[in-house]
Amino acid sequence: MKTMTALAALAGALSFAAAAPALAQAHGDHGQPQGQAPDAAAGHGHAHAAFESGRFHVRVDGPEHPVGDVILIPGLSSSPHAFDLLTEELKGRYRVHRIHVQGFAGAAAEDNATGPVAAPVAEDIARYIAEQGLNRPAVIGHSMGGTIGMMLAARRPDSVGKLMVVDMVPFMGMMFGPPGTTAESIVPLADQMYAGMMASPEEQYRQQAAASVTGMIRTEALRAGPLDDTARSDRAVSSAAFRELVVTDLRPEIGRITVPTEVLYVKFNDPRMTDEFTDGVYRASFANLPGATLTRIDDSAHFIMLDQPVRFAAEVNAFLE
């Protein structure tokens, strides 16, 4: 029990920092690909799907006759560029649909300006799949994107063919309270954290964001893109989305997921937290989905796709095939 309490304190600090993007400076652009200069992105080569939504827009890459469709959902305050390397790996065979959530990484807040973010985005992705005529695409979600993927697969099971969750548990709120914490019992703390995030001075907010992203990516050369994404995310949208993640418990729902599911995760970012402890947390978190494959990726921080791109691509290819 003491270990879980220590984890709660640690995860609370890290997650609060993770949810502290700087106040947005610009809206409507798409940011630059990770590791590329602005000129390199001028002819970005992707198309935007013809889909009307105030929740997200979609970049599409791939051949005219793909072997299948893959939807990639980035995390809190992230952009589709988090999946640039994976998109290059897949787009010769698959049609890749990269979600850009409104309010994140320079995109105007639109319908995400108030209220929940993750749940309505999941509902609109189901509508996107139906209106685009996609045949049970594979869905890969990182962090908050993993939460959205779980919502989609549990609540709209006919929409999804496969699900991969990248470094996310079904109930993030358990990290903030004692054993037995529930979605209801964590609401007061979530409200307090939300209020603090909204009231924090801008400079403090920026510093927290920079420190958070630095800790989430081991590969120093690849931090600039996610830092920029976070700095240009809408403060209100990111804060509301973070609160929503804390109070959302999908553990009772994941048992409804019937498609093949794989969870990739990394060891908790603290030397006191062993591999075995991390493994135990993930096994317990996904106990209601016993068919899920749980795979720990070593030598990586939260952005597995950046820190371990070769291993990540191999896991994704095996998952898709």
C-alpha atoms as a PDB file:
ATOM      1  CA  MET A   1       0.000   0.000   0.000  1.00  0.00           C
ATOM      2  CA  LYS A   2       2.862   2.378   0.796  1.00  0.00           C
ATOM      3  CA  THR A   3       4.337   1.721  -2.629  1.00  0.00           C
ATOM      4  CA  MET A   4       1.064   2.577  -4.330  1.00  0.00           C
ATOM      5  CA  THR A   5       0.851   5.794  -2.318  1.00  0.00           C
ATOM      6  CA  ALA A   6       4.371   6.705  -3.406  1.00  0.00           C
ATOM      7  CA  LEU A   7       3.410   6.002  -6.989  1.00  0.00           C
ATOM      8  CA  ALA A   8       0.331   8.169  -6.615  1.00  0.00           C
ATOM      9  CA  ALA A   9       2.378  11.101  -5.403  1.00  0.00           C
ATOM     10  CA  LEU A  10       4.955  10.627  -8.130  1.00  0.00           C
ATOM     11  CA  ALA A  11       2.443  10.181 -10.924  1.00  0.00           C
ATOM     12  CA  GLY A  12       0.448  13.119  -9.664  1.00  0.00           C
ATOM     13  CA  ALA A  13       3.437  15.397  -9.926  1.00  0.00           C
ATOM     14  CA  LEU A  14       4.437  14.113 -13.335  1.00  0.00           C
ATOM     15  CA  SER A  15       0.931  14.131 -14.763  1.00  0.00           C
ATOM     16  CA  PHE A  16       0.222  17.630 -13.499  1.00  0.00           C
ATOM     17  CA  ALA A  17       3.370  18.816 -15.219  1.00  0.00           C
ATOM     18  CA  ALA A  18       2.403  16.892 -18.327  1.00  0.00           C
ATOM     19  CA  ALA A  19      -0.875  18.738 -18.474  1.00  0.00           C
ATOM     20  CA  ALA A  20       0.666  22.181 -18.215  1.00  0.00           C
ATOM     21  CA  PRO A  21       1.119  23.406 -21.770  1.00  0.00           C
ATOM     22  CA  ALA A  22       1.847  27.063 -22.329  1.00  0.00           C
ATOM     23  CA  LEU A  23      -0.854  29.465 -23.394  1.00  0.00           C
ATOM     24  CA  ALA A  24      -1.446  29.121 -27.117  1.00  0.00           C
ATOM     25  CA  GLN A  25       0.194  31.728 -29.328  1.00  0.00           C
ATOM     26  CA  ALA A  26      -1.287  30.784 -32.693  1.00  0.00           C
ATOM     27  CA  HIS A  27      -4.227  28.883 -34.092  1.00  0.00           C
ATOM     28  CA  GLY A  28      -5.036  27.349 -37.421  1.00  0.00           C
ATOM     29  CA  ASP A  29      -1.552  26.198 -38.500  1.00  0.00           C
ATOM     30  CA  HIS A  30      -0.293  22.678 -38.103  1.00  0.00           C
ATOM     31  CA  GLY A  31       3.162  23.055 -36.616  1.00  0.00           C
ATOM     32  CA  GLN A  32       6.309  21.576 -38.124  1.00  0.00           C
ATOM     33  CA  PRO A  33       7.175  17.898 -38.494  1.00  0.00           C
ATOM     34  CA  GLN A  34       9.344  16.615 -35.670  1.00  0.00           C
ATOM     35  CA  GLY A  35      12.954  17.429 -36.428  1.00  0.00           C
ATOM     36  CA  GLN A  36      12.268  19.398 -39.619  1.00  0.00           C
ATOM     37  CA  ALA A  37      12.846  23.052 -40.347  1.00  0.00           C
ATOM     38  CA  PRO A  38       9.872  25.192 -41.442  1.00  0.00           C
ATOM     39  CA  ASP A  39      10.911  25.112 -45.105  1.00  0.00           C
ATOM     40  CA  ALA A  40      10.910  21.329 -45.101  1.00  0.00           C
ATOM     41  CA  ALA A  41       7.269  21.300 -44.091  1.00  0.00           C
ATOM     42  CA  ALA A  42       6.030  23.713 -46.725  1.00  0.00           C
ATOM     43  CA  GLY A  43       5.108  20.886 -49.088  1.00  0.00           C
ATOM     44  CA  HIS A  44       3.914  18.527 -46.393  1.00  0.00           C
ATOM     45  CA  GLY A  45       2.460  16.075 -48.919  1.00  0.00           C
ATOM     46  CA  HIS A  46      -0.523  14.897 -46.905  1.00  0.00           C
ATOM     47  CA  ALA A  47      -4.179  15.585 -47.634  1.00  0.00           C
ATOM     48  CA  HIS A  48      -6.898  16.604 -45.206  1.00  0.00           C
ATOM     49  CA  ALA A  49      -9.943  14.365 -45.080  1.00  0.00           C
ATOM     50  CA  ALA A  50     -13.221  15.865 -46.263  1.00  0.00           C
ATOM     51  CA  PHE A  51     -14.904  15.630 -42.881  1.00  0.00           C
ATOM     52  CA  GLU A  52     -16.744  18.322 -40.960  1.00  0.00           C
ATOM     53  CA  SER A  53     -16.054  18.325 -37.225  1.00  0.00           C
ATOM     54  CA  GLY A  54     -15.406  20.915 -34.567  1.00  0.00           C
ATOM     55  CA  ARG A  55     -13.521  18.306 -32.556  1.00  0.00           C
ATOM     56  CA  PHE A  56     -10.613  17.410 -34.832  1.00  0.00           C
ATOM     57  CA  HIS A  57      -9.332  17.380 -38.378  1.00  0.00           C
ATOM     58  CA  VAL A  58      -7.537  14.521 -40.103  1.00  0.00           C
ATOM     59  CA  ARG A  59      -4.394  14.214 -42.200  1.00  0.00           C
ATOM     60  CA  VAL A  60      -4.387  11.297 -44.618  1.00  0.00           C
ATOM     61  CA  ASP A  61      -1.327   9.655 -46.174  1.00  0.00           C
ATOM     62  CA  GLY A  62      -1.052   6.443 -48.147  1.00  0.00           C
ATOM     63  CA  PRO A  63      -1.410   4.657 -51.474  1.00  0.00           C
ATOM     64  CA  GLU A  64      -4.415   4.631 -53.738  1.00  0.00           C
ATOM     65  CA  HIS A  65      -5.073   0.976 -52.948  1.00  0.00           C
ATOM     66  CA  PRO A  66      -4.033   0.397 -49.325  1.00  0.00           C
ATOM     67  CA  VAL A  67      -3.988  -2.968 -47.592  1.00  0.00           C
ATOM     68  CA  GLY A  68      -5.949  -1.352 -44.772  1.00  0.00           C
ATOM     69  CA  ASP A  69      -6.588   1.795 -42.750  1.00  0.00           C
ATOM     70  CA  VAL A  70      -4.813   2.916 -39.579  1.00  0.00           C
ATOM     71  CA  ILE A  71      -6.005   5.753 -37.339  1.00  0.00           C
ATOM     72  CA  LEU A  72      -3.328   7.408 -35.193  1.00  0.00           C
ATOM     73  CA  ILE A  73      -4.430   9.484 -32.189  1.00  0.00           C
ATOM     74  CA  PRO A  74      -1.798  11.614 -30.427  1.00  0.00           C
ATOM     75  CA  GLY A  75      -1.848  12.519 -26.754  1.00  0.00           C
ATOM     76  CA  LEU A  76      -2.620  15.578 -24.669  1.00  0.00           C
ATOM     77  CA  SER A  77      -1.353  18.789 -26.281  1.00  0.00           C
ATOM     78  CA  SER A  78       0.319  16.765 -29.049  1.00  0.00           C
ATOM     79  CA  SER A  79       0.089  17.009 -32.821  1.00  0.00           C
ATOM     80  CA  PRO A  80       0.017  14.429 -35.616  1.00  0.00           C
ATOM     81  CA  HIS A  81       3.744  15.026 -35.992  1.00  0.00           C
ATOM     82  CA  ALA A  82       4.318  12.776 -32.986  1.00  0.00           C
ATOM     83  CA  PHE A  83       3.620   9.965 -35.466  1.00  0.00           C
ATOM     84  CA  ASP A  84       5.750  11.265 -38.366  1.00  0.00           C
ATOM     85  CA  LEU A  85       8.270   8.417 -38.192  1.00  0.00           C
ATOM     86  CA  LEU A  86       5.574   5.758 -37.959  1.00  0.00           C
ATOM     87  CA  THR A  87       3.629   7.341 -40.811  1.00  0.00           C
ATOM     88  CA  GLU A  88       6.698   7.117 -43.048  1.00  0.00           C
ATOM     89  CA  GLU A  89       6.978   3.451 -42.111  1.00  0.00           C
ATOM     90  CA  LEU A  90       3.334   2.638 -42.866  1.00  0.00           C
ATOM     91  CA  LYS A  91       2.154   4.897 -45.672  1.00  0.00           C
ATOM     92  CA  GLY A  92       3.550   2.768 -48.480  1.00  0.00           C
ATOM     93  CA  ARG A  93       1.084   0.015 -47.580  1.00  0.00           C
ATOM     94  CA  TYR A  94      -1.592   1.488 -45.327  1.00  0.00           C
ATOM     95  CA  ARG A  95      -3.788   4.549 -45.540  1.00  0.00           C
ATOM     96  CA  VAL A  96      -2.812   6.470 -42.408  1.00  0.00           C
ATOM     97  CA  HIS A  97      -5.315   8.833 -40.774  1.00  0.00           C
ATOM     98  CA  ARG A  98      -3.659  11.138 -38.238  1.00  0.00           C
ATOM     99  CA  ILE A  99      -6.033  12.907 -35.865  1.00  0.00           C
ATOM    100  CA  HIS A 100      -5.314  16.523 -34.895  1.00  0.00           C
ATOM    101  CA  VAL A 101      -7.490  17.403 -31.905  1.00  0.00           C
ATOM    102  CA  GLN A 102      -8.836  20.966 -32.002  1.00  0.00           C
ATOM    103  CA  GLY A 103      -7.170  23.112 -29.368  1.00  0.00           C
ATOM    104  CA  PHE A 104      -3.900  21.194 -29.444  1.00  0.00           C
ATOM    105  CA  ALA A 105      -0.681  22.224 -31.181  1.00  0.00           C
ATOM    106  CA  GLY A 106      -1.896  25.399 -32.848  1.00  0.00           C
ATOM    107  CA  ALA A 107      -5.320  24.181 -33.982  1.00  0.00           C
ATOM    108  CA  ALA A 108      -8.263  26.434 -33.079  1.00  0.00           C
ATOM    109  CA  ALA A 109     -10.257  25.177 -30.086  1.00  0.00           C
ATOM    110  CA  GLU A 110     -13.643  25.192 -31.876  1.00  0.00           C
ATOM    111  CA  ASP A 111     -16.044  22.727 -30.205  1.00  0.00           C
ATOM    112  CA  ASN A 112     -13.410  21.713 -27.635  1.00  0.00           C
ATOM    113  CA  ALA A 113     -13.371  25.228 -26.159  1.00  0.00           C
ATOM    114  CA  THR A 114     -15.630  24.138 -23.292  1.00  0.00           C
ATOM    115  CA  GLY A 115     -16.536  20.861 -21.649  1.00  0.00           C
ATOM    116  CA  PRO A 116     -15.058  17.386 -22.116  1.00  0.00           C
ATOM    117  CA  VAL A 117     -12.669  16.619 -24.944  1.00  0.00           C
ATOM    118  CA  ALA A 118     -11.748  12.924 -25.070  1.00  0.00           C
ATOM    119  CA  ALA A 119     -15.257  11.438 -25.039  1.00  0.00           C
ATOM    120  CA  PRO A 120     -16.719  13.669 -27.768  1.00  0.00           C
ATOM    121  CA  VAL A 121     -13.593  13.197 -29.882  1.00  0.00           C
ATOM    122  CA  ALA A 122     -14.082   9.413 -29.605  1.00  0.00           C
ATOM    123  CA  GLU A 123     -17.702   9.767 -30.722  1.00  0.00           C
ATOM    124  CA  ASP A 124     -16.695  11.882 -33.706  1.00  0.00           C
ATOM    125  CA  ILE A 125     -13.999   9.397 -34.704  1.00  0.00           C
ATOM    126  CA  ALA A 126     -16.723   6.747 -34.849  1.00  0.00           C
ATOM    127  CA  ARG A 127     -18.673   9.087 -37.138  1.00  0.00           C
ATOM    128  CA  TYR A 128     -15.535   9.700 -39.214  1.00  0.00           C
ATOM    129  CA  ILE A 129     -15.060   5.952 -39.690  1.00  0.00           C
ATOM    130  CA  ALA A 130     -18.668   5.543 -40.788  1.00  0.00           C
ATOM    131  CA  GLU A 131     -18.800   8.551 -43.121  1.00  0.00           C
ATOM    132  CA  GLN A 132     -15.461   7.744 -44.740  1.00  0.00           C
ATOM    133  CA  GLY A 133     -16.525   4.151 -45.296  1.00  0.00           C
ATOM    134  CA  LEU A 134     -13.542   2.685 -43.444  1.00  0.00           C
ATOM    135  CA  ASN A 135     -13.709  -1.049 -42.862  1.00  0.00           C
ATOM    136  CA  ARG A 136     -12.858  -1.599 -39.185  1.00  0.00           C
ATOM    137  CA  PRO A 137      -9.552   0.273 -39.170  1.00  0.00           C
ATOM    138  CA  ALA A 138      -6.765  -0.376 -36.708  1.00  0.00           C
ATOM    139  CA  VAL A 139      -6.604   2.346 -34.040  1.00  0.00           C
ATOM    140  CA  ILE A 140      -3.368   3.334 -32.308  1.00  0.00           C
ATOM    141  CA  GLY A 141      -3.536   5.921 -29.532  1.00  0.00           C
ATOM    142  CA  HIS A 142      -0.750   7.434 -27.455  1.00  0.00           C
ATOM    143  CA  SER A 143      -1.435   8.612 -23.896  1.00  0.00           C
ATOM    144  CA  MET A 144      -4.737  10.530 -24.037  1.00  0.00           C
ATOM    145  CA  GLY A 145      -5.066   9.076 -27.535  1.00  0.00           C
ATOM    146  CA  GLY A 146      -5.001   5.654 -25.876  1.00  0.00           C
ATOM    147  CA  THR A 147      -7.907   6.699 -23.673  1.00  0.00           C
ATOM    148  CA  ILE A 148      -9.822   7.837 -26.753  1.00  0.00           C
ATOM    149  CA  GLY A 149      -9.007   4.544 -28.472  1.00  0.00           C
ATOM    150  CA  MET A 150     -10.325   2.558 -25.501  1.00  0.00           C
ATOM    151  CA  MET A 151     -13.508   4.641 -25.455  1.00  0.00           C
ATOM    152  CA  LEU A 152     -14.009   4.044 -29.157  1.00  0.00           C
ATOM    153  CA  ALA A 153     -13.392   0.290 -29.015  1.00  0.00           C
ATOM    154  CA  ALA A 154     -15.566  -0.202 -25.927  1.00  0.00           C
ATOM    155  CA  ARG A 155     -18.459   2.074 -26.898  1.00  0.00           C
ATOM    156  CA  ARG A 156     -18.454   1.571 -30.683  1.00  0.00           C
ATOM    157  CA  PRO A 157     -17.095  -1.960 -31.008  1.00  0.00           C
ATOM    158  CA  ASP A 158     -18.190  -2.382 -34.621  1.00  0.00           C
ATOM    159  CA  SER A 159     -16.053   0.583 -35.672  1.00  0.00           C
ATOM    160  CA  VAL A 160     -12.630  -0.820 -34.794  1.00  0.00           C
ATOM    161  CA  GLY A 161     -10.677  -3.790 -36.115  1.00  0.00           C
ATOM    162  CA  LYS A 162      -7.689  -3.673 -33.743  1.00  0.00           C
ATOM    163  CA  LEU A 163      -6.597  -1.449 -30.866  1.00  0.00           C
ATOM    164  CA  MET A 164      -3.137  -0.464 -29.654  1.00  0.00           C
ATOM    165  CA  VAL A 165      -2.812   1.631 -26.493  1.00  0.00           C
ATOM    166  CA  VAL A 166       0.555   3.336 -26.035  1.00  0.00           C
ATOM    167  CA  ASP A 167       1.568   4.122 -22.446  1.00  0.00           C
ATOM    168  CA  MET A 168      -1.834   4.728 -20.868  1.00  0.00           C
ATOM    169  CA  VAL A 169      -3.933   3.031 -18.186  1.00  0.00           C
ATOM    170  CA  PRO A 170      -7.750   2.877 -18.192  1.00  0.00           C
ATOM    171  CA  PHE A 171      -8.028   5.004 -15.022  1.00  0.00           C
ATOM    172  CA  MET A 172      -5.397   7.679 -14.607  1.00  0.00           C
ATOM    173  CA  GLY A 173      -7.140   8.925 -11.476  1.00  0.00           C
ATOM    174  CA  MET A 174      -5.886   5.919  -9.497  1.00  0.00           C
ATOM    175  CA  MET A 175      -2.439   7.509  -9.628  1.00  0.00           C
ATOM    176  CA  PHE A 176      -3.635  10.450  -7.548  1.00  0.00           C
ATOM    177  CA  GLY A 177      -5.289   8.816  -4.572  1.00  0.00           C
ATOM    178  CA  PRO A 178      -5.028   5.955  -2.104  1.00  0.00           C
ATOM    179  CA  PRO A 179      -5.995   2.377  -2.957  1.00  0.00           C
ATOM    180  CA  GLY A 180      -9.695   2.185  -3.688  1.00  0.00           C
ATOM    181  CA  THR A 181      -9.823   5.619  -5.330  1.00  0.00           C
ATOM    182  CA  THR A 182     -12.838   5.931  -7.628  1.00  0.00           C
ATOM    183  CA  ALA A 183     -13.829   8.298 -10.397  1.00  0.00           C
ATOM    184  CA  GLU A 184     -16.254   9.936  -7.959  1.00  0.00           C
ATOM    185  CA  SER A 185     -13.828  10.259  -5.055  1.00  0.00           C
ATOM    186  CA  ILE A 186     -11.136  11.874  -7.186  1.00  0.00           C
ATOM    187  CA  VAL A 187     -13.406  14.673  -8.487  1.00  0.00           C
ATOM    188  CA  PRO A 188     -12.549  17.231  -5.768  1.00  0.00           C
ATOM    189  CA  LEU A 189      -8.820  16.801  -6.390  1.00  0.00           C
ATOM    190  CA  ALA A 190      -9.325  16.923 -10.153  1.00  0.00           C
ATOM    191  CA  ASP A 191     -11.280  20.149  -9.770  1.00  0.00           C
ATOM    192  CA  GLN A 192      -8.531  21.590  -7.591  1.00  0.00           C
ATOM    193  CA  MET A 193      -5.831  20.677 -10.117  1.00  0.00           C
ATOM    194  CA  TYR A 194      -7.884  22.119 -12.962  1.00  0.00           C
ATOM    195  CA  ALA A 195      -8.374  25.380 -11.095  1.00  0.00           C
ATOM    196  CA  GLY A 196      -4.663  25.552 -10.366  1.00  0.00           C
ATOM    197  CA  MET A 197      -3.742  24.963 -13.984  1.00  0.00           C
ATOM    198  CA  MET A 198      -6.091  27.675 -15.186  1.00  0.00           C
ATOM    199  CA  ALA A 199      -4.902  30.190 -12.570  1.00  0.00           C
ATOM    200  CA  SER A 200      -1.173  29.486 -12.883  1.00  0.00           C
ATOM    201  CA  PRO A 201       0.915  32.439 -14.152  1.00  0.00           C
ATOM    202  CA  GLU A 202       1.826  32.031 -17.790  1.00  0.00           C
ATOM    203  CA  GLU A 203       5.577  31.865 -17.192  1.00  0.00           C
ATOM    204  CA  GLN A 204       5.129  29.136 -14.593  1.00  0.00           C
ATOM    205  CA  TYR A 205       2.832  27.293 -16.960  1.00  0.00           C
ATOM    206  CA  ARG A 206       5.491  27.435 -19.700  1.00  0.00           C
ATOM    207  CA  GLN A 207       8.230  26.218 -17.397  1.00  0.00           C
ATOM    208  CA  GLN A 208       6.145  23.265 -16.225  1.00  0.00           C
ATOM    209  CA  ALA A 209       5.395  22.328 -19.830  1.00  0.00           C
ATOM    210  CA  ALA A 210       9.047  22.431 -20.850  1.00  0.00           C
ATOM    211  CA  ALA A 211      10.139  20.375 -17.847  1.00  0.00           C
ATOM    212  CA  SER A 212       7.395  17.847 -18.473  1.00  0.00           C
ATOM    213  CA  VAL A 213       8.207  17.261 -22.135  1.00  0.00           C
ATOM    214  CA  THR A 214      11.894  17.033 -21.342  1.00  0.00           C
ATOM    215  CA  GLY A 215      11.142  14.190 -18.942  1.00  0.00           C
ATOM    216  CA  MET A 216       8.871  12.428 -21.420  1.00  0.00           C
ATOM    217  CA  ILE A 217      11.434  12.123 -24.222  1.00  0.00           C
ATOM    218  CA  ARG A 218      14.904  10.717 -23.674  1.00  0.00           C
ATOM    219  CA  THR A 219      16.100  11.585 -27.172  1.00  0.00           C
ATOM    220  CA  GLU A 220      17.128  15.204 -26.758  1.00  0.00           C
ATOM    221  CA  ALA A 221      17.244  15.896 -30.508  1.00  0.00           C
ATOM    222  CA  LEU A 222      13.525  15.058 -30.824  1.00  0.00           C
ATOM    223  CA  ARG A 223      12.183  17.211 -27.999  1.00  0.00           C
ATOM    224  CA  ALA A 224      11.786  20.432 -29.994  1.00  0.00           C
ATOM    225  CA  GLY A 225       8.649  19.350 -31.879  1.00  0.00           C
ATOM    226  CA  PRO A 226       6.665  18.171 -28.841  1.00  0.00           C
ATOM    227  CA  LEU A 227       7.815  21.248 -26.912  1.00  0.00           C
ATOM    228  CA  ASP A 228       6.450  23.450 -29.672  1.00  0.00           C
ATOM    229  CA  ASP A 229       3.201  21.454 -29.845  1.00  0.00           C
ATOM    230  CA  THR A 230       2.686  21.912 -26.126  1.00  0.00           C
ATOM    231  CA  ALA A 231       3.575  25.605 -26.183  1.00  0.00           C
ATOM    232  CA  ARG A 232       0.969  26.269 -28.891  1.00  0.00           C
ATOM    233  CA  SER A 233      -1.856  24.304 -27.291  1.00  0.00           C
ATOM    234  CA  ASP A 234      -4.897  26.076 -25.908  1.00  0.00           C
ATOM    235  CA  ARG A 235      -4.599  26.266 -22.142  1.00  0.00           C
ATOM    236  CA  ALA A 236      -8.310  25.823 -21.433  1.00  0.00           C
ATOM    237  CA  VAL A 237      -8.660  22.829 -23.762  1.00  0.00           C
ATOM    238  CA  SER A 238      -5.610  21.047 -22.365  1.00  0.00           C
ATOM    239  CA  SER A 239      -6.629  21.733 -18.769  1.00  0.00           C
ATOM    240  CA  ALA A 240     -10.179  20.479 -19.337  1.00  0.00           C
ATOM    241  CA  ALA A 241      -8.906  17.382 -21.141  1.00  0.00           C
ATOM    242  CA  PHE A 242      -6.515  16.624 -18.289  1.00  0.00           C
ATOM    243  CA  ARG A 243      -9.292  16.909 -15.724  1.00  0.00           C
ATOM    244  CA  GLU A 244     -11.445  14.619 -17.845  1.00  0.00           C
ATOM    245  CA  LEU A 245      -8.689  11.996 -17.947  1.00  0.00           C
ATOM    246  CA  VAL A 246      -8.310  12.051 -14.166  1.00  0.00           C
ATOM    247  CA  VAL A 247     -12.032  11.454 -13.512  1.00  0.00           C
ATOM    248  CA  THR A 248     -12.595   8.905 -16.300  1.00  0.00           C
ATOM    249  CA  ASP A 249     -12.467   5.257 -15.227  1.00  0.00           C
ATOM    250  CA  LEU A 250     -12.672   2.925 -18.207  1.00  0.00           C
ATOM    251  CA  ARG A 251     -11.878  -0.253 -16.243  1.00  0.00           C
ATOM    252  CA  PRO A 252     -15.535  -1.349 -16.118  1.00  0.00           C
ATOM    253  CA  GLU A 253     -15.901  -0.664 -19.853  1.00  0.00           C
ATOM    254  CA  ILE A 254     -12.805  -2.290 -21.335  1.00  0.00           C
ATOM    255  CA  GLY A 255     -14.380  -5.708 -20.897  1.00  0.00           C
ATOM    256  CA  ARG A 256     -16.640  -4.762 -23.809  1.00  0.00           C
ATOM    257  CA  ILE A 257     -13.647  -4.534 -26.136  1.00  0.00           C
ATOM    258  CA  THR A 258     -13.738  -7.568 -28.385  1.00  0.00           C
ATOM    259  CA  VAL A 259     -11.001  -6.750 -30.907  1.00  0.00           C
ATOM    260  CA  PRO A 260      -7.323  -7.745 -30.602  1.00  0.00           C
ATOM    261  CA  THR A 261      -5.722  -5.287 -28.204  1.00  0.00           C
ATOM    262  CA  GLU A 262      -2.080  -4.586 -27.423  1.00  0.00           C
ATOM    263  CA  VAL A 263      -0.764  -2.247 -24.751  1.00  0.00           C
ATOM    264  CA  LEU A 264       2.774  -0.869 -24.990  1.00  0.00           C
ATOM    265  CA  TYR A 265       4.129   0.847 -21.897  1.00  0.00           C
ATOM    266  CA  VAL A 266       7.328   2.004 -20.206  1.00  0.00           C
ATOM    267  CA  LYS A 267       8.611   1.762 -16.660  1.00  0.00           C
ATOM    268  CA  PHE A 268       7.478   4.567 -14.392  1.00  0.00           C
ATOM    269  CA  ASN A 269       9.955   7.414 -14.574  1.00  0.00           C
ATOM    270  CA  ASP A 270      11.437   7.038 -11.108  1.00  0.00           C
ATOM    271  CA  PRO A 271      14.305   4.799  -9.919  1.00  0.00           C
ATOM    272  CA  ARG A 272      12.208   3.615  -6.978  1.00  0.00           C
ATOM    273  CA  MET A 273       9.658   2.071  -9.337  1.00  0.00           C
ATOM    274  CA  THR A 274      10.880  -1.262 -10.598  1.00  0.00           C
ATOM    275  CA  ASP A 275      10.012  -3.038 -13.834  1.00  0.00           C
ATOM    276  CA  GLU A 276       8.078  -5.589 -11.810  1.00  0.00           C
ATOM    277  CA  PHE A 277       6.032  -2.933 -10.031  1.00  0.00           C
ATOM    278  CA  THR A 278       5.158  -1.254 -13.318  1.00  0.00           C
ATOM    279  CA  ASP A 279       4.192  -4.598 -14.817  1.00  0.00           C
ATOM    280  CA  GLY A 280       1.914  -5.240 -11.843  1.00  0.00           C
ATOM    281  CA  VAL A 281       0.145  -1.908 -12.213  1.00  0.00           C
ATOM    282  CA  TYR A 282      -0.582  -2.581 -15.881  1.00  0.00           C
ATOM    283  CA  ARG A 283      -1.754  -6.150 -15.244  1.00  0.00           C
ATOM    284  CA  ALA A 284      -4.150  -4.912 -12.573  1.00  0.00           C
ATOM    285  CA  SER A 285      -5.328  -2.003 -14.704  1.00  0.00           C
ATOM    286  CA  PHE A 286      -6.225  -4.238 -17.643  1.00  0.00           C
ATOM    287  CA  ALA A 287      -7.552  -7.159 -15.584  1.00  0.00           C
ATOM    288  CA  ASN A 288     -11.006  -6.712 -17.138  1.00  0.00           C
ATOM    289  CA  LEU A 289      -9.499  -7.241 -20.588  1.00  0.00           C
ATOM    290  CA  PRO A 290      -7.599 -10.504 -20.083  1.00  0.00           C
ATOM    291  CA  GLY A 291      -7.055 -10.995 -23.810  1.00  0.00           C
ATOM    292  CA  ALA A 292      -4.927  -7.864 -24.100  1.00  0.00           C
ATOM    293  CA  THR A 293      -1.227  -8.294 -24.812  1.00  0.00           C
ATOM    294  CA  LEU A 294       0.864  -6.175 -22.424  1.00  0.00           C
ATOM    295  CA  THR A 295       4.382  -5.333 -23.591  1.00  0.00           C
ATOM    296  CA  ARG A 296       6.895  -3.236 -21.670  1.00  0.00           C
ATOM    297  CA  ILE A 297       9.317  -1.255 -23.835  1.00  0.00           C
ATOM    298  CA  ASP A 298      12.627  -0.666 -22.079  1.00  0.00           C
ATOM    299  CA  ASP A 299      15.053   2.238 -22.508  1.00  0.00           C
ATOM    300  CA  SER A 300      12.254   4.642 -23.381  1.00  0.00           C
ATOM    301  CA  ALA A 301      10.290   7.456 -21.817  1.00  0.00           C
ATOM    302  CA  HIS A 302       6.631   8.254 -22.486  1.00  0.00           C
ATOM    303  CA  PHE A 303       7.014   9.037 -26.216  1.00  0.00           C
ATOM    304  CA  ILE A 304       7.953   5.498 -27.250  1.00  0.00           C
ATOM    305  CA  MET A 305       7.544   6.352 -30.927  1.00  0.00           C
ATOM    306  CA  LEU A 306      10.383   8.880 -30.621  1.00  0.00           C
ATOM    307  CA  ASP A 307      12.705   7.167 -28.146  1.00  0.00           C
ATOM    308  CA  GLN A 308      12.445   3.677 -29.660  1.00  0.00           C
ATOM    309  CA  PRO A 309      11.239   4.205 -33.254  1.00  0.00           C
ATOM    310  CA  VAL A 310      12.624   0.930 -34.623  1.00  0.00           C
ATOM    311  CA  ARG A 311      11.181  -1.173 -31.807  1.00  0.00           C
ATOM    312  CA  PHE A 312       7.921   0.757 -31.966  1.00  0.00           C
ATOM    313  CA  ALA A 313       7.596   0.258 -35.718  1.00  0.00           C
ATOM    314  CA  ALA A 314       8.324  -3.449 -35.306  1.00  0.00           C
ATOM    315  CA  GLU A 315       5.623  -3.788 -32.649  1.00  0.00           C
ATOM    316  CA  VAL A 316       3.133  -1.883 -34.817  1.00  0.00           C
ATOM    317  CA  ASN A 317       3.910  -3.941 -37.920  1.00  0.00           C
ATOM    318  CA  ALA A 318       3.499  -7.194 -36.011  1.00  0.00           C
ATOM    319  CA  PHE A 319       0.262  -5.849 -34.503  1.00  0.00           C
ATOM    320  CA  LEU A 320      -1.131  -4.908 -37.917  1.00  0.00           C
ATOM    321  CA  GLU A 321      -0.122  -8.085 -39.706  1.00  0.00           C
END
